[in-house]
Amino acid sequence: MTLALALAGCGAGDRASEQDTADGRAVAGAGMDRGDRPAAFARCATCHQTAPGRNGVGPSLAGVFGAPAGHEPTYAYSKALRASGLVWDAETLDAYLADPRGVVPGTKMAFAGVRSAEERAAIVAYLETL
């Protein structure tokens, strides 16, 4: 995510709990509606808003899917992210969520990444609805 995370606790809980996965919402993004926020997105919501133009510690995630990195005009992205040339599709979002600093060295996003491929898929599917 193009997203500046500066809070130390943003990476807490990289494993979904049994309750998170019991109904499949944390592991399956198919058929997701805009209001269906997966449990895995909770760590993103610590720093990001989903309403257009509503930045928090990180930029708003509204319209991020399909947009170029650094697209939110009112957010101060790192030079590295703005110059990355990335477009946020399923593949780039998955890679960035897994290892933000590995994908964009110099990013302001202070988040270690989401280890679970299933949780990343649920987050990406949700971002596509915003």
C-alpha atoms as a PDB file:
ATOM      1  CA  MET A   1       0.000   0.000   0.000  1.00  0.00           C
ATOM      2  CA  THR A   2       1.241   3.405  -0.702  1.00  0.00           C
ATOM      3  CA  LEU A   3       0.950   4.062   2.784  1.00  0.00           C
ATOM      4  CA  ALA A   4       2.918   5.746   5.479  1.00  0.00           C
ATOM      5  CA  LEU A   5       2.623   3.826   8.693  1.00  0.00           C
ATOM      6  CA  ALA A   6       4.430   5.388  11.589  1.00  0.00           C
ATOM      7  CA  LEU A   7       2.811   3.687  14.537  1.00  0.00           C
ATOM      8  CA  ALA A   8       4.866   0.965  16.173  1.00  0.00           C
ATOM      9  CA  GLY A   9       1.850  -1.280  16.774  1.00  0.00           C
ATOM     10  CA  CYS A  10       0.671  -1.396  13.167  1.00  0.00           C
ATOM     11  CA  GLY A  11       2.213  -4.814  12.554  1.00  0.00           C
ATOM     12  CA  ALA A  12       0.649  -6.581  15.493  1.00  0.00           C
ATOM     13  CA  GLY A  13      -1.187  -9.808  14.807  1.00  0.00           C
ATOM     14  CA  ASP A  14       0.170 -11.106  11.510  1.00  0.00           C
ATOM     15  CA  ARG A  15      -1.765 -14.359  12.031  1.00  0.00           C
ATOM     16  CA  ALA A  16      -5.511 -14.463  11.656  1.00  0.00           C
ATOM     17  CA  SER A  17      -7.332 -15.810  14.665  1.00  0.00           C
ATOM     18  CA  GLU A  18      -9.591 -18.832  14.348  1.00  0.00           C
ATOM     19  CA  GLN A  19     -12.593 -16.531  14.559  1.00  0.00           C
ATOM     20  CA  ASP A  20     -11.245 -14.385  11.726  1.00  0.00           C
ATOM     21  CA  THR A  21     -11.084 -17.373   9.415  1.00  0.00           C
ATOM     22  CA  ALA A  22     -14.119 -19.323  10.668  1.00  0.00           C
ATOM     23  CA  ASP A  23     -16.511 -17.539   8.308  1.00  0.00           C
ATOM     24  CA  GLY A  24     -13.970 -17.269   5.489  1.00  0.00           C
ATOM     25  CA  ARG A  25     -14.024 -13.454   5.316  1.00  0.00           C
ATOM     26  CA  ALA A  26     -10.388 -13.063   6.322  1.00  0.00           C
ATOM     27  CA  VAL A  27      -9.247 -15.586   3.739  1.00  0.00           C
ATOM     28  CA  ALA A  28     -11.613 -15.093   0.819  1.00  0.00           C
ATOM     29  CA  GLY A  29     -12.140 -11.847  -1.019  1.00  0.00           C
ATOM     30  CA  ALA A  30     -14.378 -13.097  -3.807  1.00  0.00           C
ATOM     31  CA  GLY A  31     -17.760 -11.428  -3.958  1.00  0.00           C
ATOM     32  CA  MET A  32     -16.785  -8.744  -1.479  1.00  0.00           C
ATOM     33  CA  ASP A  33     -18.938  -5.613  -1.266  1.00  0.00           C
ATOM     34  CA  ARG A  34     -17.639  -2.164  -0.339  1.00  0.00           C
ATOM     35  CA  GLY A  35     -18.885  -2.566   3.223  1.00  0.00           C
ATOM     36  CA  ASP A  36     -17.311  -6.002   3.736  1.00  0.00           C
ATOM     37  CA  ARG A  37     -14.118  -5.011   5.517  1.00  0.00           C
ATOM     38  CA  PRO A  38     -12.084  -8.172   6.194  1.00  0.00           C
ATOM     39  CA  ALA A  39     -10.672  -8.725   9.674  1.00  0.00           C
ATOM     40  CA  ALA A  40      -7.166  -8.577   8.196  1.00  0.00           C
ATOM     41  CA  PHE A  41      -7.779  -4.933   7.220  1.00  0.00           C
ATOM     42  CA  ALA A  42      -7.866  -3.866  10.885  1.00  0.00           C
ATOM     43  CA  ARG A  43      -4.101  -3.321  10.914  1.00  0.00           C
ATOM     44  CA  CYS A  44      -4.406  -1.073   7.826  1.00  0.00           C
ATOM     45  CA  ALA A  45      -7.227   0.942   9.409  1.00  0.00           C
ATOM     46  CA  THR A  46      -4.890   1.878  12.255  1.00  0.00           C
ATOM     47  CA  CYS A  47      -3.242   4.390   9.910  1.00  0.00           C
ATOM     48  CA  HIS A  48      -5.469   4.634   6.815  1.00  0.00           C
ATOM     49  CA  GLN A  49      -8.940   5.969   6.094  1.00  0.00           C
ATOM     50  CA  THR A  50     -11.138   4.630   3.295  1.00  0.00           C
ATOM     51  CA  ALA A  51     -13.082   7.821   2.578  1.00  0.00           C
ATOM     52  CA  PRO A  52     -11.777   9.855  -0.374  1.00  0.00           C
ATOM     53  CA  GLY A  53      -9.358  12.592   0.647  1.00  0.00           C
ATOM     54  CA  ARG A  54      -9.368  11.582   4.327  1.00  0.00           C
ATOM     55  CA  ASN A  55      -5.734  10.991   5.169  1.00  0.00           C
ATOM     56  CA  GLY A  56      -4.527   9.713   8.513  1.00  0.00           C
ATOM     57  CA  VAL A  57      -0.972   8.775   9.363  1.00  0.00           C
ATOM     58  CA  GLY A  58      -1.089   7.185   5.917  1.00  0.00           C
ATOM     59  CA  PRO A  59      -2.989   8.306   2.830  1.00  0.00           C
ATOM     60  CA  SER A  60      -6.617   7.540   2.104  1.00  0.00           C
ATOM     61  CA  LEU A  61      -7.000   4.178   0.403  1.00  0.00           C
ATOM     62  CA  ALA A  62     -10.062   5.243  -1.588  1.00  0.00           C
ATOM     63  CA  GLY A  63      -9.442   4.547  -5.257  1.00  0.00           C
ATOM     64  CA  VAL A  64      -6.033   2.985  -4.641  1.00  0.00           C
ATOM     65  CA  PHE A  65      -6.728  -0.110  -6.775  1.00  0.00           C
ATOM     66  CA  GLY A  66      -5.647   0.656 -10.339  1.00  0.00           C
ATOM     67  CA  ALA A  67      -4.080   3.995  -9.386  1.00  0.00           C
ATOM     68  CA  PRO A  68      -0.417   4.939  -9.721  1.00  0.00           C
ATOM     69  CA  ALA A  69       1.611   4.944  -6.510  1.00  0.00           C
ATOM     70  CA  GLY A  70       1.453   8.351  -4.875  1.00  0.00           C
ATOM     71  CA  HIS A  71      -1.920   9.248  -6.409  1.00  0.00           C
ATOM     72  CA  GLU A  72      -3.509  10.997  -3.386  1.00  0.00           C
ATOM     73  CA  PRO A  73      -2.756  14.692  -4.070  1.00  0.00           C
ATOM     74  CA  THR A  74      -3.056  15.856  -0.460  1.00  0.00           C
ATOM     75  CA  TYR A  75      -0.641  13.322   1.049  1.00  0.00           C
ATOM     76  CA  ALA A  76       3.138  13.793   1.420  1.00  0.00           C
ATOM     77  CA  TYR A  77       4.485  10.509   0.031  1.00  0.00           C
ATOM     78  CA  SER A  78       8.163   9.606   0.107  1.00  0.00           C
ATOM     79  CA  LYS A  79      10.191  10.506  -2.970  1.00  0.00           C
ATOM     80  CA  ALA A  80      10.907   6.796  -3.391  1.00  0.00           C
ATOM     81  CA  LEU A  81       7.228   5.877  -3.629  1.00  0.00           C
ATOM     82  CA  ARG A  82       6.383   8.737  -5.994  1.00  0.00           C
ATOM     83  CA  ALA A  83       9.287   7.711  -8.260  1.00  0.00           C
ATOM     84  CA  SER A  84       8.531   3.976  -8.092  1.00  0.00           C
ATOM     85  CA  GLY A  85       6.384   3.882 -11.228  1.00  0.00           C
ATOM     86  CA  LEU A  86       4.108   1.309  -9.590  1.00  0.00           C
ATOM     87  CA  VAL A  87       0.447   0.954 -10.418  1.00  0.00           C
ATOM     88  CA  TRP A  88      -1.558  -0.632  -7.624  1.00  0.00           C
ATOM     89  CA  ASP A  89      -3.019  -3.797  -9.115  1.00  0.00           C
ATOM     90  CA  ALA A  90      -3.494  -7.151  -7.372  1.00  0.00           C
ATOM     91  CA  GLU A  91       0.100  -8.226  -7.993  1.00  0.00           C
ATOM     92  CA  THR A  92       1.815  -5.024  -6.862  1.00  0.00           C
ATOM     93  CA  LEU A  93      -0.448  -4.594  -3.836  1.00  0.00           C
ATOM     94  CA  ASP A  94       0.213  -8.183  -2.775  1.00  0.00           C
ATOM     95  CA  ALA A  95       3.969  -7.735  -3.081  1.00  0.00           C
ATOM     96  CA  TYR A  96       3.921  -4.383  -1.270  1.00  0.00           C
ATOM     97  CA  LEU A  97       1.718  -5.677   1.539  1.00  0.00           C
ATOM     98  CA  ALA A  98       4.102  -8.614   1.987  1.00  0.00           C
ATOM     99  CA  ASP A  99       7.265  -6.458   2.142  1.00  0.00           C
ATOM    100  CA  PRO A 100       6.776  -2.699   1.772  1.00  0.00           C
ATOM    101  CA  ARG A 101      10.443  -1.778   2.195  1.00  0.00           C
ATOM    102  CA  GLY A 102      11.590  -4.579  -0.083  1.00  0.00           C
ATOM    103  CA  VAL A 103       9.325  -3.409  -2.908  1.00  0.00           C
ATOM    104  CA  VAL A 104       9.955   0.324  -2.406  1.00  0.00           C
ATOM    105  CA  PRO A 105      13.191   0.988  -0.523  1.00  0.00           C
ATOM    106  CA  GLY A 106      12.786   4.403   1.083  1.00  0.00           C
ATOM    107  CA  THR A 107       9.017   4.148   1.603  1.00  0.00           C
ATOM    108  CA  LYS A 108       7.634   5.941   4.655  1.00  0.00           C
ATOM    109  CA  MET A 109       5.425   2.957   5.466  1.00  0.00           C
ATOM    110  CA  ALA A 110       6.782   1.685   8.774  1.00  0.00           C
ATOM    111  CA  PHE A 111       5.072  -1.693   8.611  1.00  0.00           C
ATOM    112  CA  ALA A 112       6.841  -5.048   8.431  1.00  0.00           C
ATOM    113  CA  GLY A 113       4.261  -6.595   6.120  1.00  0.00           C
ATOM    114  CA  VAL A 114       1.480  -9.178   6.145  1.00  0.00           C
ATOM    115  CA  ARG A 115       2.933 -12.683   6.139  1.00  0.00           C
ATOM    116  CA  SER A 116      -0.250 -14.557   5.318  1.00  0.00           C
ATOM    117  CA  ALA A 117      -0.998 -14.786   1.583  1.00  0.00           C
ATOM    118  CA  GLU A 118      -4.655 -15.404   2.454  1.00  0.00           C
ATOM    119  CA  GLU A 119      -4.881 -12.217   4.514  1.00  0.00           C
ATOM    120  CA  ARG A 120      -3.134 -10.219   1.783  1.00  0.00           C
ATOM    121  CA  ALA A 121      -5.624 -11.559  -0.766  1.00  0.00           C
ATOM    122  CA  ALA A 122      -8.536 -10.485   1.446  1.00  0.00           C
ATOM    123  CA  ILE A 123      -7.052  -6.999   1.886  1.00  0.00           C
ATOM    124  CA  VAL A 124      -6.396  -6.619  -1.851  1.00  0.00           C
ATOM    125  CA  ALA A 125      -9.945  -7.760  -2.682  1.00  0.00           C
ATOM    126  CA  TYR A 126     -11.301  -5.178  -0.243  1.00  0.00           C
ATOM    127  CA  LEU A 127      -9.116  -2.401  -1.668  1.00  0.00           C
ATOM    128  CA  GLU A 128     -10.537  -3.189  -5.100  1.00  0.00           C
ATOM    129  CA  THR A 129     -14.011  -2.246  -3.797  1.00  0.00           C
ATOM    130  CA  LEU A 130     -13.005   1.188  -2.515  1.00  0.00           C
END
